[in-house]
PDB file of all heavy atoms in Angstrom:
ATOM      1  N   GLY A   1       0.824  -1.227  -0.005  1.00  0.00           N
ATOM      2  CA  GLY A   1       0.011   0.002  -0.032  1.00  0.00           C
ATOM      3  C   GLY A   1       0.771   1.311   0.015  1.00  0.00           C
ATOM      4  O   GLY A   1       0.237   2.338  -0.096  1.00  0.00           O
ATOM      5  N   ASN A   2       2.095   1.167  -0.009  1.00  0.00           N
ATOM      6  CA  ASN A   2       2.981   2.368   0.180  1.00  0.00           C
ATOM      7  C   ASN A   2       2.664   3.371  -0.929  1.00  0.00           C
ATOM      8  O   ASN A   2       2.632   4.628  -0.645  1.00  0.00           O
ATOM      9  CB  ASN A   2       4.464   1.934   0.097  1.00  0.00           C
ATOM     10  CG  ASN A   2       4.900   1.280   1.327  1.00  0.00           C
ATOM     11  OD1 ASN A   2       4.152   1.177   2.341  1.00  0.00           O
ATOM     12  ND2 ASN A   2       6.138   0.818   1.352  1.00  0.00           N
ATOM     13  N   GLY A   3       2.519   2.950  -2.171  1.00  0.00           N
ATOM     14  CA  GLY A   3       2.351   3.851  -3.224  1.00  0.00           C
ATOM     15  C   GLY A   3       1.123   4.708  -3.181  1.00  0.00           C
ATOM     16  O   GLY A   3       1.052   5.772  -3.701  1.00  0.00           O
ATOM     17  N   ALA A   4       0.114   4.118  -2.442  1.00  0.00           N
ATOM     18  CA  ALA A   4      -1.130   4.872  -2.243  1.00  0.00           C
ATOM     19  C   ALA A   4      -1.220   5.513  -0.918  1.00  0.00           C
ATOM     20  O   ALA A   4      -2.315   5.991  -0.450  1.00  0.00           O
ATOM     21  CB  ALA A   4      -2.380   3.809  -2.461  1.00  0.00           C
ATOM     22  N   GLY A   5      -0.122   5.523  -0.194  1.00  0.00           N
ATOM     23  CA  GLY A   5      -0.122   6.174   1.127  1.00  0.00           C
ATOM     24  C   GLY A   5      -0.576   5.343   2.277  1.00  0.00           C
ATOM     25  O   GLY A   5      -0.876   5.877   3.412  1.00  0.00           O
ATOM     26  N   PHE A   6      -0.679   4.057   2.168  1.00  0.00           N
ATOM     27  CA  PHE A   6      -1.096   3.131   3.244  1.00  0.00           C
ATOM     28  C   PHE A   6       0.121   2.319   3.743  1.00  0.00           C
ATOM     29  O   PHE A   6       0.856   1.742   2.867  1.00  0.00           O
ATOM     30  CB  PHE A   6      -2.199   2.174   2.749  1.00  0.00           C
ATOM     31  CG  PHE A   6      -3.421   2.831   2.343  1.00  0.00           C
ATOM     32  CD1 PHE A   6      -3.884   2.660   0.947  1.00  0.00           C
ATOM     33  CD2 PHE A   6      -4.165   3.612   3.186  1.00  0.00           C
ATOM     34  CE1 PHE A   6      -5.035   3.297   0.506  1.00  0.00           C
ATOM     35  CE2 PHE A   6      -5.273   4.376   2.698  1.00  0.00           C
ATOM     36  CZ  PHE A   6      -5.755   4.061   1.401  1.00  0.00           C
ATOM     37  N   THR A   7       0.374   2.360   5.017  1.00  0.00           N
ATOM     38  CA  THR A   7       1.518   1.653   5.590  1.00  0.00           C
ATOM     39  C   THR A   7       1.130   0.175   5.976  1.00  0.00           C
ATOM     40  O   THR A   7      -0.052  -0.149   6.222  1.00  0.00           O
ATOM     41  CB  THR A   7       2.102   2.360   6.795  1.00  0.00           C
ATOM     42  OG1 THR A   7       1.061   2.290   7.886  1.00  0.00           O
ATOM     43  CG2 THR A   7       2.339   3.814   6.469  1.00  0.00           C
ATOM     44  N   ASP A   8       2.161  -0.612   6.203  1.00  0.00           N
ATOM     45  CA  ASP A   8       1.879  -2.012   6.806  1.00  0.00           C
ATOM     46  C   ASP A   8       1.180  -1.872   8.092  1.00  0.00           C
ATOM     47  O   ASP A   8       0.215  -2.697   8.394  1.00  0.00           O
ATOM     48  CB  ASP A   8       3.109  -2.741   6.990  1.00  0.00           C
ATOM     49  CG  ASP A   8       3.867  -3.120   5.668  1.00  0.00           C
ATOM     50  OD1 ASP A   8       3.195  -2.989   4.586  1.00  0.00           O
ATOM     51  OD2 ASP A   8       4.987  -3.631   5.694  1.00  0.00           O
ATOM     52  N   ALA A   9       1.517  -0.877   8.924  1.00  0.00           N
ATOM     53  CA  ALA A   9       0.826  -0.694  10.181  1.00  0.00           C
ATOM     54  C   ALA A   9      -0.806  -0.422   9.985  1.00  0.00           C
ATOM     55  O   ALA A   9      -1.461  -0.840  10.819  1.00  0.00           O
ATOM     56  CB  ALA A   9       1.412   0.369  10.980  1.00  0.00           C
ATOM     57  N   ASP A  10      -1.059   0.300   8.969  1.00  0.00           N
ATOM     58  CA  ASP A  10      -2.536   0.570   8.649  1.00  0.00           C
ATOM     59  C   ASP A  10      -3.272  -0.786   8.453  1.00  0.00           C
ATOM     60  O   ASP A  10      -4.383  -0.934   8.872  1.00  0.00           O
ATOM     61  CB  ASP A  10      -2.669   1.407   7.418  1.00  0.00           C
ATOM     62  CG  ASP A  10      -2.158   2.761   7.603  1.00  0.00           C
ATOM     63  OD1 ASP A  10      -2.206   3.281   8.741  1.00  0.00           O
ATOM     64  OD2 ASP A  10      -1.764   3.504   6.660  1.00  0.00           O
ATOM     65  N   TYR A  11      -2.536  -1.740   7.766  1.00  0.00           N
ATOM     66  CA  TYR A  11      -3.189  -2.971   7.502  1.00  0.00           C
ATOM     67  C   TYR A  11      -3.186  -3.966   8.759  1.00  0.00           C
ATOM     68  O   TYR A  11      -4.216  -4.655   8.982  1.00  0.00           O
ATOM     69  CB  TYR A  11      -2.442  -3.800   6.339  1.00  0.00           C
ATOM     70  CG  TYR A  11      -2.736  -3.072   5.020  1.00  0.00           C
ATOM     71  CD1 TYR A  11      -1.837  -2.288   4.400  1.00  0.00           C
ATOM     72  CD2 TYR A  11      -3.986  -3.209   4.420  1.00  0.00           C
ATOM     73  CE1 TYR A  11      -2.084  -1.584   3.132  1.00  0.00           C
ATOM     74  CE2 TYR A  11      -4.254  -2.710   3.176  1.00  0.00           C
ATOM     75  CZ  TYR A  11      -3.339  -1.830   2.587  1.00  0.00           C
ATOM     76  OH  TYR A  11      -3.615  -1.197   1.387  1.00  0.00           O
ATOM     77  N   THR A  12      -2.138  -3.944   9.541  1.00  0.00           N
ATOM     78  CA  THR A  12      -2.086  -4.789  10.763  1.00  0.00           C
ATOM     79  C   THR A  12      -3.132  -4.218  11.683  1.00  0.00           C
ATOM     80  O   THR A  12      -3.830  -5.024  12.426  1.00  0.00           O
ATOM     81  CB  THR A  12      -0.752  -4.791  11.376  1.00  0.00           C
ATOM     82  OG1 THR A  12      -0.239  -3.522  11.639  1.00  0.00           O
ATOM     83  CG2 THR A  12       0.301  -5.454  10.400  1.00  0.00           C
ATOM     84  N   ASP A  13      -3.316  -2.887  11.777  1.00  0.00           N
ATOM     85  CA  ASP A  13      -4.403  -2.328  12.630  1.00  0.00           C
ATOM     86  C   ASP A  13      -5.756  -2.836  12.196  1.00  0.00           C
ATOM     87  O   ASP A  13      -6.699  -2.871  13.023  1.00  0.00           O
ATOM     88  CB  ASP A  13      -4.346  -0.836  12.632  1.00  0.00           C
ATOM     89  CG  ASP A  13      -3.059  -0.217  13.403  1.00  0.00           C
ATOM     90  OD1 ASP A  13      -2.465  -1.031  14.071  1.00  0.00           O
ATOM     91  OD2 ASP A  13      -2.771   1.002  13.130  1.00  0.00           O
ATOM     92  N   ALA A  14      -5.870  -3.094  10.870  1.00  0.00           N
ATOM     93  CA  ALA A  14      -7.173  -3.633  10.380  1.00  0.00           C
ATOM     94  C   ALA A  14      -7.341  -5.052  10.483  1.00  0.00           C
ATOM     95  O   ALA A  14      -8.415  -5.561  10.144  1.00  0.00           O
ATOM     96  CB  ALA A  14      -7.295  -3.180   8.858  1.00  0.00           C
ATOM     97  N   GLY A  15      -6.365  -5.731  11.104  1.00  0.00           N
ATOM     98  CA  GLY A  15      -6.451  -7.129  11.277  1.00  0.00           C
ATOM     99  C   GLY A  15      -5.769  -8.011  10.229  1.00  0.00           C
ATOM    100  O   GLY A  15      -5.915  -9.274  10.284  1.00  0.00           O
ATOM    101  N   ALA A  16      -5.088  -7.372   9.240  1.00  0.00           N
ATOM    102  CA  ALA A  16      -4.427  -8.210   8.226  1.00  0.00           C
ATOM    103  C   ALA A  16      -3.005  -8.715   8.750  1.00  0.00           C
ATOM    104  O   ALA A  16      -2.415  -8.017   9.571  1.00  0.00           O
ATOM    105  CB  ALA A  16      -4.270  -7.411   6.968  1.00  0.00           C
ATOM    106  N   ALA A  17      -2.601  -9.825   8.147  1.00  0.00           N
ATOM    107  CA  ALA A  17      -1.200 -10.310   8.342  1.00  0.00           C
ATOM    108  C   ALA A  17      -0.336  -9.794   7.189  1.00  0.00           C
ATOM    109  O   ALA A  17      -0.782  -9.447   6.126  1.00  0.00           O
ATOM    110  CB  ALA A  17      -1.218 -11.792   8.281  1.00  0.00           C
ATOM    111  N   ILE A  18       0.926  -9.593   7.501  1.00  0.00           N
ATOM    112  CA  ILE A  18       1.882  -9.067   6.591  1.00  0.00           C
ATOM    113  C   ILE A  18       2.953 -10.068   6.246  1.00  0.00           C
ATOM    114  O   ILE A  18       3.512 -10.682   7.206  1.00  0.00           O
ATOM    115  CB  ILE A  18       2.579  -7.790   7.134  1.00  0.00           C
ATOM    116  CG1 ILE A  18       1.607  -6.671   7.413  1.00  0.00           C
ATOM    117  CG2 ILE A  18       3.667  -7.260   6.058  1.00  0.00           C
ATOM    118  CD1 ILE A  18       0.830  -6.125   6.359  1.00  0.00           C
ATOM    119  N   VAL A  19       3.262 -10.364   4.992  1.00  0.00           N
ATOM    120  CA  VAL A  19       4.288 -11.255   4.608  1.00  0.00           C
ATOM    121  C   VAL A  19       5.260 -10.485   3.707  1.00  0.00           C
ATOM    122  O   VAL A  19       4.947  -9.495   3.087  1.00  0.00           O
ATOM    123  CB  VAL A  19       3.821 -12.517   3.906  1.00  0.00           C
ATOM    124  CG1 VAL A  19       2.975 -13.327   4.876  1.00  0.00           C
ATOM    125  CG2 VAL A  19       3.012 -12.227   2.643  1.00  0.00           C
ATOM    126  N   GLU A  20       6.476 -11.046   3.457  1.00  0.00           N
ATOM    127  CA  GLU A  20       7.433 -10.269   2.770  1.00  0.00           C
ATOM    128  C   GLU A  20       7.347 -10.396   1.232  1.00  0.00           C
ATOM    129  O   GLU A  20       7.667  -9.495   0.495  1.00  0.00           O
ATOM    130  CB  GLU A  20       8.914 -10.700   3.236  1.00  0.00           C
ATOM    131  CG  GLU A  20       9.215 -10.228   4.649  1.00  0.00           C
ATOM    132  CD  GLU A  20       9.193  -8.714   4.730  1.00  0.00           C
ATOM    133  OE1 GLU A  20       9.736  -7.990   3.827  1.00  0.00           O
ATOM    134  OE2 GLU A  20       8.749  -8.197   5.760  1.00  0.00           O
ATOM    135  N   THR A  21       6.974 -11.579   0.705  1.00  0.00           N
ATOM    136  CA  THR A  21       7.118 -11.829  -0.651  1.00  0.00           C
ATOM    137  C   THR A  21       5.736 -12.133  -1.343  1.00  0.00           C
ATOM    138  O   THR A  21       4.886 -12.643  -0.618  1.00  0.00           O
ATOM    139  CB  THR A  21       8.112 -12.884  -0.917  1.00  0.00           C
ATOM    140  OG1 THR A  21       7.552 -14.234  -0.426  1.00  0.00           O
ATOM    141  CG2 THR A  21       9.417 -12.664  -0.275  1.00  0.00           C
ATOM    142  N   ALA A  22       5.669 -11.984  -2.645  1.00  0.00           N
ATOM    143  CA  ALA A  22       4.541 -12.300  -3.408  1.00  0.00           C
ATOM    144  C   ALA A  22       4.241 -13.861  -3.353  1.00  0.00           C
ATOM    145  O   ALA A  22       3.099 -14.279  -3.188  1.00  0.00           O
ATOM    146  CB  ALA A  22       4.605 -11.804  -4.875  1.00  0.00           C
ATOM    147  N   PRO A  23       5.260 -14.682  -3.524  1.00  0.00           N
ATOM    148  CA  PRO A  23       4.973 -16.080  -3.368  1.00  0.00           C
ATOM    149  C   PRO A  23       4.216 -16.523  -2.177  1.00  0.00           C
ATOM    150  O   PRO A  23       3.412 -17.445  -2.200  1.00  0.00           O
ATOM    151  CB  PRO A  23       6.383 -16.755  -3.580  1.00  0.00           C
ATOM    152  CG  PRO A  23       7.137 -15.882  -4.394  1.00  0.00           C
ATOM    153  CD  PRO A  23       6.761 -14.419  -3.950  1.00  0.00           C
ATOM    154  N   GLU A  24       4.609 -15.891  -1.039  1.00  0.00           N
ATOM    155  CA  GLU A  24       3.962 -16.253   0.222  1.00  0.00           C
ATOM    156  C   GLU A  24       2.473 -15.888   0.095  1.00  0.00           C
ATOM    157  O   GLU A  24       1.629 -16.530   0.736  1.00  0.00           O
ATOM    158  CB  GLU A  24       4.602 -15.503   1.371  1.00  0.00           C
ATOM    159  CG  GLU A  24       5.949 -15.982   1.676  1.00  0.00           C
ATOM    160  CD  GLU A  24       6.639 -15.084   2.802  1.00  0.00           C
ATOM    161  OE1 GLU A  24       7.216 -14.029   2.340  1.00  0.00           O
ATOM    162  OE2 GLU A  24       6.529 -15.335   3.900  1.00  0.00           O
ATOM    163  N   VAL A  25       2.144 -14.862  -0.590  1.00  0.00           N
ATOM    164  CA  VAL A  25       0.692 -14.407  -0.789  1.00  0.00           C
ATOM    165  C   VAL A  25      -0.007 -15.411  -1.647  1.00  0.00           C
ATOM    166  O   VAL A  25      -1.129 -15.978  -1.310  1.00  0.00           O
ATOM    167  CB  VAL A  25       0.609 -12.997  -1.338  1.00  0.00           C
ATOM    168  CG1 VAL A  25      -0.849 -12.638  -1.553  1.00  0.00           C
ATOM    169  CG2 VAL A  25       1.221 -11.907  -0.419  1.00  0.00           C
ATOM    170  N   PHE A  26       0.615 -15.758  -2.786  1.00  0.00           N
ATOM    171  CA  PHE A  26      -0.103 -16.610  -3.804  1.00  0.00           C
ATOM    172  C   PHE A  26      -0.180 -18.047  -3.236  1.00  0.00           C
ATOM    173  O   PHE A  26      -1.206 -18.779  -3.516  1.00  0.00           O
ATOM    174  CB  PHE A  26       0.732 -16.611  -5.063  1.00  0.00           C
ATOM    175  CG  PHE A  26       0.434 -15.433  -5.966  1.00  0.00           C
ATOM    176  CD1 PHE A  26       1.068 -14.226  -5.806  1.00  0.00           C
ATOM    177  CD2 PHE A  26      -0.488 -15.530  -7.016  1.00  0.00           C
ATOM    178  CE1 PHE A  26       0.877 -13.075  -6.564  1.00  0.00           C
ATOM    179  CE2 PHE A  26      -0.822 -14.463  -7.819  1.00  0.00           C
ATOM    180  CZ  PHE A  26      -0.079 -13.163  -7.607  1.00  0.00           C
ATOM    181  N   GLU A  27       0.819 -18.502  -2.470  1.00  0.00           N
ATOM    182  CA  GLU A  27       0.767 -19.901  -2.038  1.00  0.00           C
ATOM    183  C   GLU A  27      -0.373 -20.143  -1.074  1.00  0.00           C
ATOM    184  O   GLU A  27      -0.866 -21.265  -1.003  1.00  0.00           O
ATOM    185  CB  GLU A  27       2.139 -20.207  -1.308  1.00  0.00           C
ATOM    186  CG  GLU A  27       3.225 -20.477  -2.302  1.00  0.00           C
ATOM    187  CD  GLU A  27       4.630 -20.434  -1.608  1.00  0.00           C
ATOM    188  OE1 GLU A  27       4.571 -20.492  -0.382  1.00  0.00           O
ATOM    189  OE2 GLU A  27       5.618 -20.459  -2.271  1.00  0.00           O
ATOM    190  N   THR A  28      -0.671 -19.143  -0.247  1.00  0.00           N
ATOM    191  CA  THR A  28      -1.689 -19.398   0.833  1.00  0.00           C
ATOM    192  C   THR A  28      -3.140 -18.919   0.544  1.00  0.00           C
ATOM    193  O   THR A  28      -4.082 -19.436   1.125  1.00  0.00           O
ATOM    194  CB  THR A  28      -1.133 -18.839   2.146  1.00  0.00           C
ATOM    195  OG1 THR A  28      -0.970 -17.388   1.841  1.00  0.00           O
ATOM    196  CG2 THR A  28       0.177 -19.415   2.504  1.00  0.00           C
TER     197      THR A  28
END
């Protein structure tokens, strides 16, 4: 979300998990 002005913290505050890579997103 950085390019749109949203930080990782904004997403964790919303209850989302953060992973480092795209394969981790696609795999799960």
